[in-house]
Amino acid sequence: MEKKTYADYLKTTANTTNYAKMTYSSGNVLRRFSHHVRFQKSISMISLVKGIRLLDFGCGDGRFLNMLNLINHGGGYFNWI
């Protein structure tokens, strides 16, 4: 299976929750940029650790872990709202 990128995930998501409007889909370009950069850096760091298990406490709409599951297959990722 081909490994997906963060950009691939952005193209496939259509989430329009309030969380999305305040962060990654915000009309504010600086807010949107900082959120995307933070996600990209986190995913890059997590990708370096084999067999990592991750709990995203306060995960908002779950976007980060959904994105991580698409990009890094086989990790143990859990969310807690």
N, C-alpha and C. Protein backbone atom coordinates (compact mmCIF):
# COMPACT_ATOMS: atom_id res chain seq x y z
N MET A 1 0.83 -1.18 0.00
CA MET A 1 0.00 0.00 0.00
C MET A 1 0.89 1.26 0.00
N GLU A 2 0.53 2.22 -0.83
CA GLU A 2 1.30 3.45 -0.94
C GLU A 2 1.12 4.31 0.30
N LYS A 3 2.22 4.86 0.80
CA LYS A 3 2.17 5.70 1.99
C LYS A 3 1.59 7.06 1.62
N LYS A 4 0.64 7.52 2.40
CA LYS A 4 -0.01 8.80 2.12
C LYS A 4 0.71 9.93 2.84
N THR A 5 0.52 11.12 2.35
CA THR A 5 1.13 12.30 2.95
C THR A 5 0.06 13.12 3.66
N TYR A 6 0.51 14.11 4.39
CA TYR A 6 -0.41 15.02 5.06
C TYR A 6 -1.29 15.74 4.03
N ALA A 7 -0.70 16.13 2.93
CA ALA A 7 -1.47 16.80 1.86
C ALA A 7 -2.56 15.89 1.30
N ASP A 8 -2.26 14.59 1.18
CA ASP A 8 -3.27 13.63 0.71
C ASP A 8 -4.46 13.60 1.67
N TYR A 9 -4.15 13.63 2.95
CA TYR A 9 -5.22 13.59 3.94
C TYR A 9 -6.08 14.84 3.84
N LEU A 10 -5.46 15.98 3.67
CA LEU A 10 -6.22 17.23 3.58
C LEU A 10 -7.19 17.21 2.40
N LYS A 11 -6.79 16.57 1.32
CA LYS A 11 -7.65 16.49 0.14
C LYS A 11 -8.86 15.60 0.37
N THR A 12 -8.75 14.60 1.24
CA THR A 12 -9.82 13.63 1.42
C THR A 12 -10.78 13.95 2.55
N THR A 13 -10.44 14.89 3.40
CA THR A 13 -11.29 15.18 4.55
C THR A 13 -12.31 16.26 4.21
N ALA A 14 -13.48 16.11 4.75
CA ALA A 14 -14.53 17.12 4.52
C ALA A 14 -15.17 17.49 5.85
N ASN A 15 -14.39 17.45 6.92
CA ASN A 15 -14.90 17.72 8.26
C ASN A 15 -15.15 19.22 8.43
N THR A 16 -16.34 19.58 8.85
CA THR A 16 -16.69 20.99 9.01
C THR A 16 -17.21 21.27 10.41
N THR A 17 -16.64 20.64 11.42
CA THR A 17 -17.06 20.86 12.80
C THR A 17 -16.61 22.24 13.26
N ASN A 18 -17.10 22.66 14.43
CA ASN A 18 -16.66 23.93 15.00
C ASN A 18 -15.16 23.91 15.25
N TYR A 19 -14.63 22.77 15.71
CA TYR A 19 -13.19 22.64 15.93
C TYR A 19 -12.45 22.91 14.62
N ALA A 20 -12.94 22.35 13.56
CA ALA A 20 -12.31 22.55 12.25
C ALA A 20 -12.33 24.02 11.86
N LYS A 21 -13.45 24.67 12.06
CA LYS A 21 -13.57 26.08 11.68
C LYS A 21 -12.65 26.97 12.51
N MET A 22 -12.33 26.55 13.72
CA MET A 22 -11.47 27.34 14.58
C MET A 22 -9.98 27.05 14.35
N THR A 23 -9.67 25.94 13.68
CA THR A 23 -8.26 25.55 13.56
C THR A 23 -7.86 25.30 12.11
N TYR A 24 -7.92 24.05 11.66
CA TYR A 24 -7.37 23.69 10.36
C TYR A 24 -8.18 24.14 9.17
N SER A 25 -9.42 24.57 9.37
CA SER A 25 -10.21 25.13 8.27
C SER A 25 -10.57 26.59 8.52
N SER A 26 -9.82 27.22 9.40
CA SER A 26 -10.09 28.60 9.79
C SER A 26 -9.91 29.54 8.60
N GLY A 27 -10.65 30.63 8.63
CA GLY A 27 -10.48 31.68 7.64
C GLY A 27 -9.21 32.49 7.89
N ASN A 28 -8.65 32.35 9.08
CA ASN A 28 -7.43 33.04 9.45
C ASN A 28 -6.23 32.23 8.96
N VAL A 29 -5.50 32.76 8.00
CA VAL A 29 -4.42 32.01 7.37
C VAL A 29 -3.31 31.66 8.37
N LEU A 30 -3.01 32.52 9.32
CA LEU A 30 -1.98 32.24 10.30
C LEU A 30 -2.40 31.09 11.23
N ARG A 31 -3.63 31.11 11.67
CA ARG A 31 -4.14 30.03 12.52
C ARG A 31 -4.11 28.70 11.77
N ARG A 32 -4.56 28.71 10.54
CA ARG A 32 -4.58 27.50 9.71
C ARG A 32 -3.15 26.98 9.48
N PHE A 33 -2.25 27.87 9.15
CA PHE A 33 -0.85 27.50 8.90
C PHE A 33 -0.21 26.89 10.14
N SER A 34 -0.37 27.54 11.30
CA SER A 34 0.28 27.04 12.52
C SER A 34 -0.27 25.68 12.91
N HIS A 35 -1.54 25.45 12.70
CA HIS A 35 -2.13 24.15 13.03
C HIS A 35 -1.58 23.06 12.11
N HIS A 36 -1.50 23.34 10.83
CA HIS A 36 -0.97 22.36 9.88
C HIS A 36 0.50 22.04 10.15
N VAL A 37 1.29 23.06 10.45
CA VAL A 37 2.71 22.85 10.73
C VAL A 37 2.87 22.00 11.99
N ARG A 38 2.09 22.28 13.00
CA ARG A 38 2.15 21.51 14.25
C ARG A 38 1.81 20.04 14.00
N PHE A 39 0.78 19.78 13.20
CA PHE A 39 0.42 18.40 12.85
C PHE A 39 1.56 17.72 12.08
N GLN A 40 2.11 18.40 11.10
CA GLN A 40 3.18 17.82 10.29
C GLN A 40 4.40 17.47 11.13
N LYS A 41 4.81 18.37 12.02
CA LYS A 41 5.97 18.11 12.87
C LYS A 41 5.69 16.95 13.81
N SER A 42 4.51 16.90 14.39
CA SER A 42 4.16 15.81 15.30
C SER A 42 4.18 14.47 14.58
N ILE A 43 3.61 14.41 13.41
CA ILE A 43 3.57 13.17 12.64
C ILE A 43 4.99 12.73 12.26
N SER A 44 5.83 13.67 11.87
CA SER A 44 7.22 13.34 11.53
C SER A 44 7.94 12.73 12.73
N MET A 45 7.75 13.30 13.90
CA MET A 45 8.41 12.79 15.10
C MET A 45 7.87 11.42 15.50
N ILE A 46 6.57 11.24 15.42
CA ILE A 46 5.95 9.97 15.78
C ILE A 46 6.38 8.87 14.82
N SER A 47 6.56 9.23 13.56
CA SER A 47 6.96 8.26 12.54
C SER A 47 8.33 7.66 12.80
N LEU A 48 9.15 8.33 13.58
CA LEU A 48 10.50 7.85 13.87
C LEU A 48 10.52 6.72 14.88
N VAL A 49 9.43 6.53 15.63
CA VAL A 49 9.39 5.55 16.71
C VAL A 49 8.58 4.33 16.27
N LYS A 50 9.24 3.19 16.16
CA LYS A 50 8.55 1.94 15.77
C LYS A 50 7.67 1.44 16.91
N GLY A 51 6.47 0.98 16.59
CA GLY A 51 5.58 0.35 17.56
C GLY A 51 5.04 1.29 18.62
N ILE A 52 5.01 2.57 18.35
CA ILE A 52 4.54 3.54 19.33
C ILE A 52 3.04 3.36 19.60
N ARG A 53 2.65 3.57 20.83
CA ARG A 53 1.24 3.63 21.21
C ARG A 53 1.00 5.05 21.67
N LEU A 54 -0.07 5.65 21.19
CA LEU A 54 -0.30 7.06 21.44
C LEU A 54 -1.73 7.29 21.88
N LEU A 55 -1.90 8.06 22.96
CA LEU A 55 -3.22 8.48 23.42
C LEU A 55 -3.32 9.98 23.18
N ASP A 56 -4.30 10.38 22.41
CA ASP A 56 -4.55 11.80 22.16
C ASP A 56 -5.69 12.22 23.09
N PHE A 57 -5.34 12.74 24.23
CA PHE A 57 -6.32 13.14 25.23
C PHE A 57 -6.85 14.52 24.87
N GLY A 58 -8.17 14.65 24.75
CA GLY A 58 -8.75 15.92 24.32
C GLY A 58 -8.57 16.12 22.83
N CYS A 59 -8.91 15.10 22.06
CA CYS A 59 -8.55 15.02 20.64
C CYS A 59 -9.41 15.87 19.72
N GLY A 60 -10.31 16.68 20.25
CA GLY A 60 -11.15 17.49 19.37
C GLY A 60 -12.03 16.59 18.52
N ASP A 61 -11.94 16.71 17.23
CA ASP A 61 -12.76 15.88 16.35
C ASP A 61 -12.04 14.61 15.89
N GLY A 62 -10.86 14.34 16.44
CA GLY A 62 -10.14 13.11 16.11
C GLY A 62 -9.31 13.19 14.84
N ARG A 63 -9.21 14.35 14.25
CA ARG A 63 -8.52 14.51 12.97
C ARG A 63 -7.06 14.05 13.02
N PHE A 64 -6.35 14.43 14.08
CA PHE A 64 -4.93 14.09 14.15
C PHE A 64 -4.71 12.58 14.11
N LEU A 65 -5.44 11.83 14.90
CA LEU A 65 -5.25 10.38 14.92
C LEU A 65 -5.76 9.72 13.64
N ASN A 66 -6.82 10.24 13.07
CA ASN A 66 -7.28 9.71 11.78
C ASN A 66 -6.22 9.92 10.72
N MET A 67 -5.62 11.09 10.72
CA MET A 67 -4.57 11.40 9.77
C MET A 67 -3.35 10.51 10.02
N LEU A 68 -3.01 10.33 11.27
CA LEU A 68 -1.87 9.49 11.63
C LEU A 68 -2.10 8.04 11.21
N ASN A 69 -3.30 7.54 11.38
CA ASN A 69 -3.63 6.18 10.95
C ASN A 69 -3.52 6.01 9.44
N LEU A 70 -3.89 7.02 8.68
CA LEU A 70 -3.77 6.95 7.22
C LEU A 70 -2.31 6.94 6.78
N ILE A 71 -1.49 7.69 7.46
CA ILE A 71 -0.10 7.85 7.05
C ILE A 71 0.79 6.76 7.62
N ASN A 72 0.62 6.42 8.89
CA ASN A 72 1.48 5.44 9.57
C ASN A 72 0.65 4.23 9.95
N HIS A 73 0.61 3.26 9.09
CA HIS A 73 -0.17 2.06 9.34
C HIS A 73 0.50 1.21 10.41
N GLY A 74 -0.30 0.61 11.28
CA GLY A 74 0.24 -0.34 12.24
C GLY A 74 0.54 0.22 13.61
N GLY A 75 0.36 1.49 13.84
CA GLY A 75 0.59 2.04 15.17
C GLY A 75 -0.62 1.82 16.06
N GLY A 76 -0.44 1.99 17.35
CA GLY A 76 -1.55 1.89 18.28
C GLY A 76 -1.98 3.28 18.69
N TYR A 77 -3.00 3.81 18.06
CA TYR A 77 -3.43 5.17 18.30
C TYR A 77 -4.84 5.17 18.89
N PHE A 78 -5.02 5.93 19.98
CA PHE A 78 -6.29 5.97 20.67
C PHE A 78 -6.65 7.42 20.97
N ASN A 79 -7.94 7.70 20.95
CA ASN A 79 -8.34 9.06 21.33
C ASN A 79 -9.28 9.02 22.51
N TRP A 80 -9.33 10.12 23.22
CA TRP A 80 -10.17 10.28 24.38
C TRP A 80 -10.74 11.68 24.35
N ILE A 81 -12.04 11.78 24.12
CA ILE A 81 -12.66 13.10 23.99
C ILE A 81 -13.06 13.62 25.34
